[in-house]
Amino acid sequence: MNPELQVGIVGCVMHAPSATGTRSLEESIYAVTQSALRDAGVAIDAIDGIVVAGNDELDGRAISIMAASGSVGGVDRDILSTPSAAEHAFVLGALRIASGQFRTQLIVAWSPLEVDSIRDALRLGTDPYFHRALPLDELAASGLQANALEDGDTTLRKTATAIVRKNRLHGALAYPDRPIGPVEEAFIAAGKPLRWPLTDTMVCAPGFGLVAIVLADRQTVADRHMQNAAWIRGMGWATEPGFLGDRDLARLPSLDAACEQAYAAAGITDPAHAFDLAEVADATPYEELVAYEGLGLCSRESWSDHVANGRSMRGGTLPVNLSGGALSFNPLFCAGLMRVAEAANQVRGRAGAHQLPNARRALAHAASGPAMHYNTVVVLEREMEGERA
């Protein structure tokens, strides 16, 4: 990448209100947008373009961007929308700056709770002739993936339970005002089956959340004397086939491809030892486990030992999901963008109570869609390219 076109995260805010109904969705979007602009130290007039990510089915309306445009400051301003996944809005915004045509971008995404049935709403995005008639929702697809991973490994259930406990212990620190869920392994293991082998104690109910991120190029950061930027050193993204029957649900070739792109750009050759922390997809504990392998953090054969020895706990060799991940707070549509935002705030030294001291390089992984259909990988660093000794 041209050094002059490096992209930094200079503002980053997440809203996870413990109570809903106090503000309209439009008011909430406005609030998180203004918070991100204040964090970056700029006004909306300094933003060249806006990318929003909204899901019409979850919003319960057509063309969500129309309702959000005023709240994000998009009236008479360059604005785009992506409905596929919130993390894709981040990728699109970063690419717009890297193209040299923009200096700043505002990324905003939200995940509401306004529809009567979130599962039925999400089913509208599946194949209408086969999957939708089953009916196949995202939790069912995750259950199929968990079964594929458990096949032949009788110890994996215990390891998955330990992942839930780890993330919720982290989440209790990150969200002290929110009910996080059970942390006792015996209680987690004895949950009521939802989509076998997933139980009600192994997943987190959907939550209302919003994310806003301000991106800027190197020159803007210098001109405005912006502090605490998280620099994008590498990005990668890829997609699995849409039909589940065409996939090996125990493997993620799209994650392999995304890692190859991101690590090559960032010069990462030994990911298991390259990062101070990682934020990875964990809508289920099995997602986090398969991400360990795809991201090169831990081999499949070492999953149980890796988790049992606390290597991914706070204080371990590579802490994973210090925020508690989606197993602690799960705004479905923007959970992936939250992983990027959490990793960025760690690098920026603005993660609050769950800040890892002296975090300099972080890995963010987002997965969306049935059985991790989309995968996105982002490498973030405190220093710009060429500054690391």
Protein backbone atom coordinates (compact mmCIF):
# COMPACT_ATOMS: atom_id res chain seq x y z
CA MET A 1 0.00 0.00 0.00
CA ASN A 2 1.19 3.52 -0.80
CA PRO A 3 2.42 4.96 2.55
CA GLU A 4 0.55 8.18 1.85
CA LEU A 5 -2.71 6.23 1.54
CA GLN A 6 -2.49 4.38 4.84
CA VAL A 7 -5.82 4.20 6.64
CA GLY A 8 -6.23 4.73 10.37
CA ILE A 9 -9.15 4.31 12.76
CA VAL A 10 -9.27 7.65 14.59
CA GLY A 11 -12.71 7.46 16.18
CA CYS A 12 -14.48 4.37 17.44
CA VAL A 13 -17.59 4.06 19.62
CA MET A 14 -19.92 1.22 20.49
CA HIS A 15 -23.29 1.62 22.16
CA ALA A 16 -24.73 -1.33 24.08
CA PRO A 17 -27.72 0.13 25.92
CA SER A 18 -28.91 -2.03 28.79
CA ALA A 19 -32.48 -0.76 28.31
CA THR A 20 -34.34 -0.38 25.03
CA GLY A 21 -37.22 1.90 24.20
CA THR A 22 -35.72 5.07 25.70
CA ARG A 23 -34.70 6.32 22.25
CA SER A 24 -35.92 5.68 18.74
CA LEU A 25 -33.59 3.84 16.39
CA GLU A 26 -32.91 7.10 14.52
CA GLU A 27 -32.01 8.86 17.77
CA SER A 28 -29.69 6.02 18.75
CA ILE A 29 -27.94 6.11 15.37
CA TYR A 30 -27.48 9.87 15.73
CA ALA A 31 -26.06 9.49 19.24
CA VAL A 32 -23.47 6.87 18.31
CA THR A 33 -22.47 8.87 15.21
CA GLN A 34 -21.90 12.03 17.22
CA SER A 35 -19.94 10.09 19.84
CA ALA A 36 -17.59 8.70 17.20
CA LEU A 37 -17.05 12.13 15.67
CA ARG A 38 -16.21 13.55 19.11
CA ASP A 39 -13.82 10.66 19.71
CA ALA A 40 -12.05 11.55 16.46
CA GLY A 41 -12.10 15.25 17.27
CA VAL A 42 -13.88 16.26 14.06
CA ALA A 43 -17.25 17.56 12.95
CA ILE A 44 -19.40 15.97 10.26
CA ASP A 45 -18.14 18.59 7.78
CA ALA A 46 -14.73 16.88 7.88
CA ILE A 47 -16.21 13.60 6.62
CA ASP A 48 -15.85 13.00 2.87
CA GLY A 49 -18.11 9.96 2.70
CA ILE A 50 -20.31 7.67 4.77
CA VAL A 51 -20.88 3.92 4.57
CA VAL A 52 -23.73 2.47 6.58
CA ALA A 53 -24.66 -1.16 7.13
CA GLY A 54 -28.31 -1.91 7.80
CA ASN A 55 -30.43 -5.00 7.39
CA ASP A 56 -33.91 -4.32 6.01
CA GLU A 57 -35.35 -7.55 7.42
CA LEU A 58 -34.18 -6.80 10.97
CA ASP A 59 -35.17 -3.15 10.66
CA GLY A 60 -38.62 -4.13 9.46
CA ARG A 61 -38.53 -1.58 6.67
CA ALA A 62 -37.35 -1.29 3.07
CA ILE A 63 -34.08 0.48 2.22
CA SER A 64 -32.84 1.18 5.75
CA ILE A 65 -30.36 3.76 4.52
CA MET A 66 -33.21 6.14 3.78
CA ALA A 67 -34.25 6.27 7.43
CA ALA A 68 -30.64 6.48 8.64
CA SER A 69 -29.32 9.14 6.26
CA GLY A 70 -30.38 12.07 8.41
CA SER A 71 -29.10 10.51 11.64
CA VAL A 72 -25.61 9.85 10.27
CA GLY A 73 -25.30 13.23 8.54
CA GLY A 74 -25.75 11.80 5.07
CA VAL A 75 -28.12 14.41 3.63
CA ASP A 76 -26.40 16.09 0.64
CA ARG A 77 -23.30 14.00 1.38
CA ASP A 78 -21.70 11.01 -0.33
CA ILE A 79 -23.29 7.95 1.29
CA LEU A 80 -23.37 4.22 0.48
CA SER A 81 -25.03 1.23 2.11
CA THR A 82 -24.22 -2.46 2.33
CA PRO A 83 -26.80 -4.95 3.62
CA SER A 84 -24.59 -8.07 3.62
CA ALA A 85 -22.68 -7.59 6.88
CA ALA A 86 -21.59 -4.68 9.04
CA GLU A 87 -17.90 -5.50 8.70
CA HIS A 88 -18.24 -5.16 4.92
CA ALA A 89 -19.09 -1.48 5.43
CA PHE A 90 -15.75 -1.12 7.22
CA VAL A 91 -13.88 -2.80 4.36
CA LEU A 92 -15.65 -0.63 1.80
CA GLY A 93 -14.86 2.56 3.70
CA ALA A 94 -11.20 1.65 4.08
CA LEU A 95 -10.92 0.80 0.38
CA ARG A 96 -12.46 4.14 -0.56
CA ILE A 97 -9.70 5.97 1.32
CA ALA A 98 -7.00 3.63 -0.02
CA SER A 99 -8.17 4.49 -3.54
CA GLY A 100 -6.94 8.05 -3.00
CA GLN A 101 -10.35 9.55 -3.79
CA PHE A 102 -11.35 10.16 -0.15
CA ARG A 103 -9.50 11.31 2.96
CA THR A 104 -12.10 10.42 5.59
CA GLN A 105 -14.99 8.00 5.99
CA LEU A 106 -17.66 7.43 8.61
CA ILE A 107 -18.84 3.84 9.14
CA VAL A 108 -22.09 3.23 11.01
CA ALA A 109 -24.00 0.00 11.68
CA TRP A 110 -26.77 -1.10 14.00
CA SER A 111 -28.68 -4.21 15.01
CA PRO A 112 -32.22 -3.52 16.29
CA LEU A 113 -34.75 -5.68 18.11
CA GLU A 114 -37.90 -4.28 16.53
CA VAL A 115 -39.17 -7.28 14.55
CA ASP A 116 -41.50 -9.83 16.14
CA SER A 117 -39.21 -12.76 15.28
CA ILE A 118 -35.52 -12.22 14.54
CA ARG A 119 -35.13 -15.82 13.37
CA ASP A 120 -37.98 -15.50 10.87
CA ALA A 121 -36.53 -12.22 9.63
CA LEU A 122 -33.10 -13.74 9.07
CA ARG A 123 -34.63 -16.71 7.26
CA LEU A 124 -35.69 -14.31 4.50
CA GLY A 125 -32.04 -14.10 3.49
CA THR A 126 -31.74 -17.85 2.87
CA ASP A 127 -32.42 -19.86 -0.27
CA PRO A 128 -36.20 -19.59 -0.80
CA TYR A 129 -36.75 -23.04 -2.34
CA PHE A 130 -34.76 -25.35 -0.06
CA HIS A 131 -33.35 -23.70 3.07
CA ARG A 132 -36.25 -21.41 3.92
CA ALA A 133 -38.75 -24.25 3.71
CA LEU A 134 -36.86 -26.45 6.22
CA PRO A 135 -36.98 -23.92 8.04
CA LEU A 136 -33.27 -23.16 8.34
CA ASP A 137 -32.25 -20.23 10.52
CA GLU A 138 -28.74 -19.12 11.46
CA LEU A 139 -28.84 -20.94 14.80
CA ALA A 140 -29.75 -24.19 13.02
CA ALA A 141 -26.84 -23.69 10.60
CA SER A 142 -24.55 -23.09 13.58
CA GLY A 143 -25.83 -26.32 15.12
CA LEU A 144 -24.98 -28.21 11.96
CA GLN A 145 -21.50 -26.70 12.03
CA ALA A 146 -21.06 -27.65 15.70
CA ASN A 147 -22.08 -31.24 14.90
CA ALA A 148 -19.57 -31.39 12.06
CA LEU A 149 -16.81 -30.17 14.38
CA GLU A 150 -17.78 -32.58 17.16
CA ASP A 151 -17.75 -35.57 14.81
CA GLY A 152 -15.02 -37.85 16.06
CA ASP A 153 -13.98 -35.60 18.96
CA THR A 154 -15.76 -36.51 22.18
CA THR A 155 -13.85 -33.86 24.17
CA LEU A 156 -14.94 -30.87 22.11
CA ARG A 157 -18.14 -30.21 24.08
CA LYS A 158 -16.14 -29.64 27.24
CA THR A 159 -13.77 -27.33 25.40
CA ALA A 160 -16.70 -25.37 23.95
CA THR A 161 -18.15 -24.98 27.45
CA ALA A 162 -14.81 -23.59 28.66
CA ILE A 163 -14.84 -21.05 25.80
CA VAL A 164 -18.25 -19.80 26.94
CA ARG A 165 -16.99 -19.44 30.51
CA LYS A 166 -13.85 -17.59 29.40
CA ASN A 167 -15.70 -15.09 27.27
CA ARG A 168 -18.33 -14.39 29.88
CA LEU A 169 -15.70 -13.79 32.53
CA HIS A 170 -14.15 -11.29 30.11
CA GLY A 171 -17.59 -9.84 29.36
CA ALA A 172 -18.34 -9.23 33.03
CA LEU A 173 -15.36 -6.85 33.06
CA ALA A 174 -16.23 -5.18 29.76
CA TYR A 175 -19.97 -4.79 30.47
CA PRO A 176 -20.34 -4.48 34.24
CA ASP A 177 -23.87 -3.06 33.89
CA ARG A 178 -25.24 -5.82 31.63
CA PRO A 179 -26.43 -9.32 32.59
CA ILE A 180 -23.79 -11.51 30.99
CA GLY A 181 -25.08 -15.02 31.63
CA PRO A 182 -23.89 -18.05 33.57
CA VAL A 183 -20.16 -18.62 34.03
CA GLU A 184 -20.22 -21.91 35.95
CA GLU A 185 -19.16 -24.70 33.59
CA ALA A 186 -21.57 -27.23 35.14
CA PHE A 187 -24.49 -24.84 34.59
CA ILE A 188 -23.40 -24.08 31.00
CA ALA A 189 -23.04 -27.79 30.24
CA ALA A 190 -26.54 -28.56 31.56
CA GLY A 191 -28.43 -26.10 29.36
CA LYS A 192 -31.64 -26.76 27.44
CA PRO A 193 -31.03 -27.88 23.81
CA LEU A 194 -31.90 -25.29 21.16
CA ARG A 195 -30.31 -26.60 17.96
CA TRP A 196 -28.30 -29.66 18.91
CA PRO A 197 -25.60 -29.59 20.25
CA LEU A 198 -26.13 -25.90 21.05
CA THR A 199 -28.00 -25.10 24.24
CA ASP A 200 -29.58 -21.97 25.67
CA THR A 201 -26.59 -21.52 28.01
CA MET A 202 -24.04 -21.75 25.16
CA VAL A 203 -25.30 -18.78 23.14
CA CYS A 204 -26.29 -15.21 23.92
CA ALA A 205 -29.71 -13.80 23.11
CA PRO A 206 -29.74 -11.04 20.47
CA GLY A 207 -29.11 -7.55 21.83
CA PHE A 208 -29.61 -4.00 20.58
CA GLY A 209 -26.27 -2.46 19.63
CA LEU A 210 -24.66 0.16 17.42
CA VAL A 211 -21.15 0.88 16.16
CA ALA A 212 -19.62 3.97 14.56
CA ILE A 213 -16.06 4.28 13.29
CA VAL A 214 -14.19 7.23 11.76
CA LEU A 215 -11.43 6.45 9.25
CA ALA A 216 -8.80 8.89 8.00
CA ASP A 217 -5.76 8.81 5.75
CA ARG A 218 -2.23 9.50 6.93
CA GLN A 219 -2.19 13.13 5.77
CA THR A 220 -5.43 13.95 7.56
CA VAL A 221 -4.14 12.41 10.78
CA ALA A 222 -0.99 14.51 10.51
CA ASP A 223 -2.76 17.74 9.52
CA ARG A 224 -5.29 17.49 12.34
CA HIS A 225 -2.78 16.20 14.92
CA MET A 226 -5.01 13.21 15.66
CA GLN A 227 -3.84 10.95 18.45
CA ASN A 228 -4.19 7.23 19.18
CA ALA A 229 -4.91 5.98 15.68
CA ALA A 230 -5.19 2.25 14.98
CA TRP A 231 -3.61 1.69 11.55
CA ILE A 232 -4.92 -0.93 9.17
CA ARG A 233 -1.92 -3.02 8.17
CA GLY A 234 -3.84 -5.70 6.30
CA MET A 235 -7.39 -6.72 5.36
CA GLY A 236 -8.88 -9.79 3.75
CA TRP A 237 -12.40 -11.03 3.06
CA ALA A 238 -13.99 -13.97 1.28
CA THR A 239 -17.29 -15.82 0.95
CA GLU A 240 -18.38 -19.46 1.17
CA PRO A 241 -20.89 -21.01 -1.27
CA GLY A 242 -24.45 -20.07 -0.35
CA PHE A 243 -25.82 -23.62 -0.37
CA LEU A 244 -24.87 -25.45 2.85
CA GLY A 245 -24.84 -28.81 1.08
CA ASP A 246 -21.92 -27.62 -1.05
CA ARG A 247 -19.75 -26.92 2.00
CA ASP A 248 -17.68 -28.87 4.50
CA LEU A 249 -18.99 -27.13 7.60
CA ALA A 250 -15.99 -28.25 9.66
CA ARG A 251 -13.65 -26.21 7.41
CA LEU A 252 -13.56 -22.56 6.38
CA PRO A 253 -11.74 -22.03 3.08
CA SER A 254 -13.08 -18.47 3.01
CA LEU A 255 -11.26 -17.74 6.28
CA ASP A 256 -8.10 -19.25 4.83
CA ALA A 257 -8.40 -16.92 1.84
CA ALA A 258 -9.13 -13.87 4.01
CA CYS A 259 -6.11 -14.61 6.20
CA GLU A 260 -3.88 -15.02 3.18
CA GLN A 261 -4.83 -11.54 1.96
CA ALA A 262 -4.56 -9.81 5.34
CA TYR A 263 -1.38 -11.51 6.54
CA ALA A 264 0.42 -10.97 3.24
CA ALA A 265 -0.36 -7.24 3.34
CA ALA A 266 0.73 -6.98 6.98
CA GLY A 267 3.82 -9.16 6.61
CA ILE A 268 2.53 -11.71 9.16
CA THR A 269 4.30 -15.07 8.86
CA ASP A 270 3.74 -16.50 12.36
CA PRO A 271 0.23 -15.46 13.47
CA ALA A 272 0.35 -17.55 16.64
CA HIS A 273 3.03 -15.20 17.99
CA ALA A 274 2.40 -12.00 16.03
CA PHE A 275 -0.42 -10.42 18.04
CA ASP A 276 -0.96 -9.03 21.51
CA LEU A 277 -4.66 -9.94 21.42
CA ALA A 278 -7.42 -11.09 19.09
CA GLU A 279 -11.14 -10.40 18.75
CA VAL A 280 -12.77 -13.25 16.84
CA ALA A 281 -16.25 -14.37 15.81
CA ASP A 282 -17.98 -16.33 18.56
CA ALA A 283 -21.72 -16.41 17.99
CA THR A 284 -21.18 -19.95 19.31
CA PRO A 285 -18.11 -21.31 21.10
CA TYR A 286 -17.55 -23.63 18.15
CA GLU A 287 -17.12 -20.60 15.92
CA GLU A 288 -14.28 -19.36 18.09
CA LEU A 289 -12.61 -22.75 18.00
CA VAL A 290 -12.73 -23.10 14.22
CA ALA A 291 -11.49 -19.51 13.97
CA TYR A 292 -8.41 -20.46 16.03
CA GLU A 293 -7.41 -22.88 13.30
CA GLY A 294 -8.29 -20.68 10.33
CA LEU A 295 -6.47 -17.68 11.78
CA GLY A 296 -3.37 -19.76 12.49
CA LEU A 297 -3.55 -19.22 16.25
CA CYS A 298 -3.85 -22.86 17.24
CA SER A 299 -4.06 -26.19 15.42
CA ARG A 300 -7.23 -28.25 15.62
CA GLU A 301 -5.36 -31.00 17.45
CA SER A 302 -4.35 -28.51 20.17
CA TRP A 303 -7.73 -26.87 20.78
CA SER A 304 -8.43 -28.63 24.08
CA ASP A 305 -4.96 -28.06 25.54
CA HIS A 306 -4.90 -24.46 24.31
CA VAL A 307 -8.15 -23.61 26.08
CA ALA A 308 -7.53 -25.72 29.19
CA ASN A 309 -4.14 -24.05 29.73
CA GLY A 310 -5.69 -20.59 29.64
CA ARG A 311 -3.70 -19.30 26.67
CA SER A 312 -6.69 -17.37 25.35
CA MET A 313 -7.68 -15.99 28.77
CA ARG A 314 -6.76 -12.56 30.03
CA GLY A 315 -3.16 -13.02 31.20
CA GLY A 316 -2.58 -15.82 28.68
CA THR A 317 -0.10 -15.80 25.82
CA LEU A 318 -2.73 -14.53 23.35
CA PRO A 319 -5.95 -13.24 24.95
CA VAL A 320 -9.00 -13.75 22.76
CA ASN A 321 -12.20 -11.72 23.08
CA LEU A 322 -11.27 -9.58 26.06
CA SER A 323 -14.56 -7.81 25.32
CA GLY A 324 -16.49 -10.99 26.06
CA GLY A 325 -17.38 -11.33 22.39
CA ALA A 326 -20.84 -12.19 21.11
CA LEU A 327 -21.17 -14.81 23.85
CA SER A 328 -21.52 -11.89 26.27
CA PHE A 329 -23.26 -9.30 24.09
CA ASN A 330 -24.71 -10.26 20.73
CA PRO A 331 -26.01 -7.50 18.43
CA LEU A 332 -26.47 -9.93 15.55
CA PHE A 333 -25.98 -7.72 12.51
CA CYS A 334 -23.10 -5.62 13.83
CA ALA A 335 -21.34 -8.19 16.04
CA GLY A 336 -18.63 -8.57 13.38
CA LEU A 337 -17.96 -4.84 13.20
CA MET A 338 -17.79 -4.81 16.99
CA ARG A 339 -14.88 -7.25 16.83
CA VAL A 340 -13.02 -4.75 14.63
CA ALA A 341 -14.01 -1.84 16.88
CA GLU A 342 -12.93 -3.67 20.05
CA ALA A 343 -9.56 -4.58 18.54
CA ALA A 344 -9.08 -0.98 17.39
CA ASN A 345 -9.86 0.46 20.81
CA GLN A 346 -7.36 -1.94 22.41
CA VAL A 347 -4.63 -0.71 20.06
CA ARG A 348 -5.70 2.89 20.69
CA GLY A 349 -5.58 2.37 24.46
CA ARG A 350 -9.28 3.19 24.78
CA ALA A 351 -10.82 -0.14 25.73
CA GLY A 352 -11.72 0.94 29.26
CA ALA A 353 -11.89 -1.60 32.05
CA HIS A 354 -10.88 -4.49 29.79
CA GLN A 355 -7.87 -2.69 28.25
CA LEU A 356 -4.80 -4.90 27.76
CA PRO A 357 -1.73 -2.94 28.85
CA ASN A 358 0.56 -1.85 26.00
CA ALA A 359 -1.43 -3.49 23.23
CA ARG A 360 0.35 -2.65 19.99
CA ARG A 361 -0.88 -5.15 17.39
CA ALA A 362 -4.34 -6.74 17.30
CA LEU A 363 -6.17 -9.21 15.11
CA ALA A 364 -9.85 -8.80 14.32
CA HIS A 365 -12.00 -11.50 12.73
CA ALA A 366 -15.64 -11.21 11.74
CA ALA A 367 -17.93 -13.92 10.44
CA SER A 368 -21.51 -13.49 9.26
CA GLY A 369 -24.29 -15.49 7.68
CA PRO A 370 -25.25 -19.16 8.11
CA ALA A 371 -22.36 -21.27 9.45
CA MET A 372 -19.86 -18.40 9.00
CA HIS A 373 -20.77 -17.75 5.37
CA TYR A 374 -18.67 -14.54 5.19
CA ASN A 375 -15.23 -14.13 6.77
CA THR A 376 -13.25 -10.93 7.22
CA VAL A 377 -9.80 -10.48 8.79
CA VAL A 378 -8.19 -7.16 9.79
CA VAL A 379 -4.70 -6.56 11.22
CA LEU A 380 -4.39 -3.37 13.27
CA GLU A 381 -1.29 -1.68 14.69
CA ARG A 382 -0.53 1.36 16.79
CA GLU A 383 2.31 2.44 14.49
CA MET A 384 2.07 3.44 10.87
CA GLU A 385 3.89 1.39 8.27
CA GLY A 386 7.63 1.91 8.61
CA GLU A 387 7.52 3.14 12.22
CA ARG A 388 7.92 -0.25 13.94
CA ALA A 389 11.54 -0.80 14.90
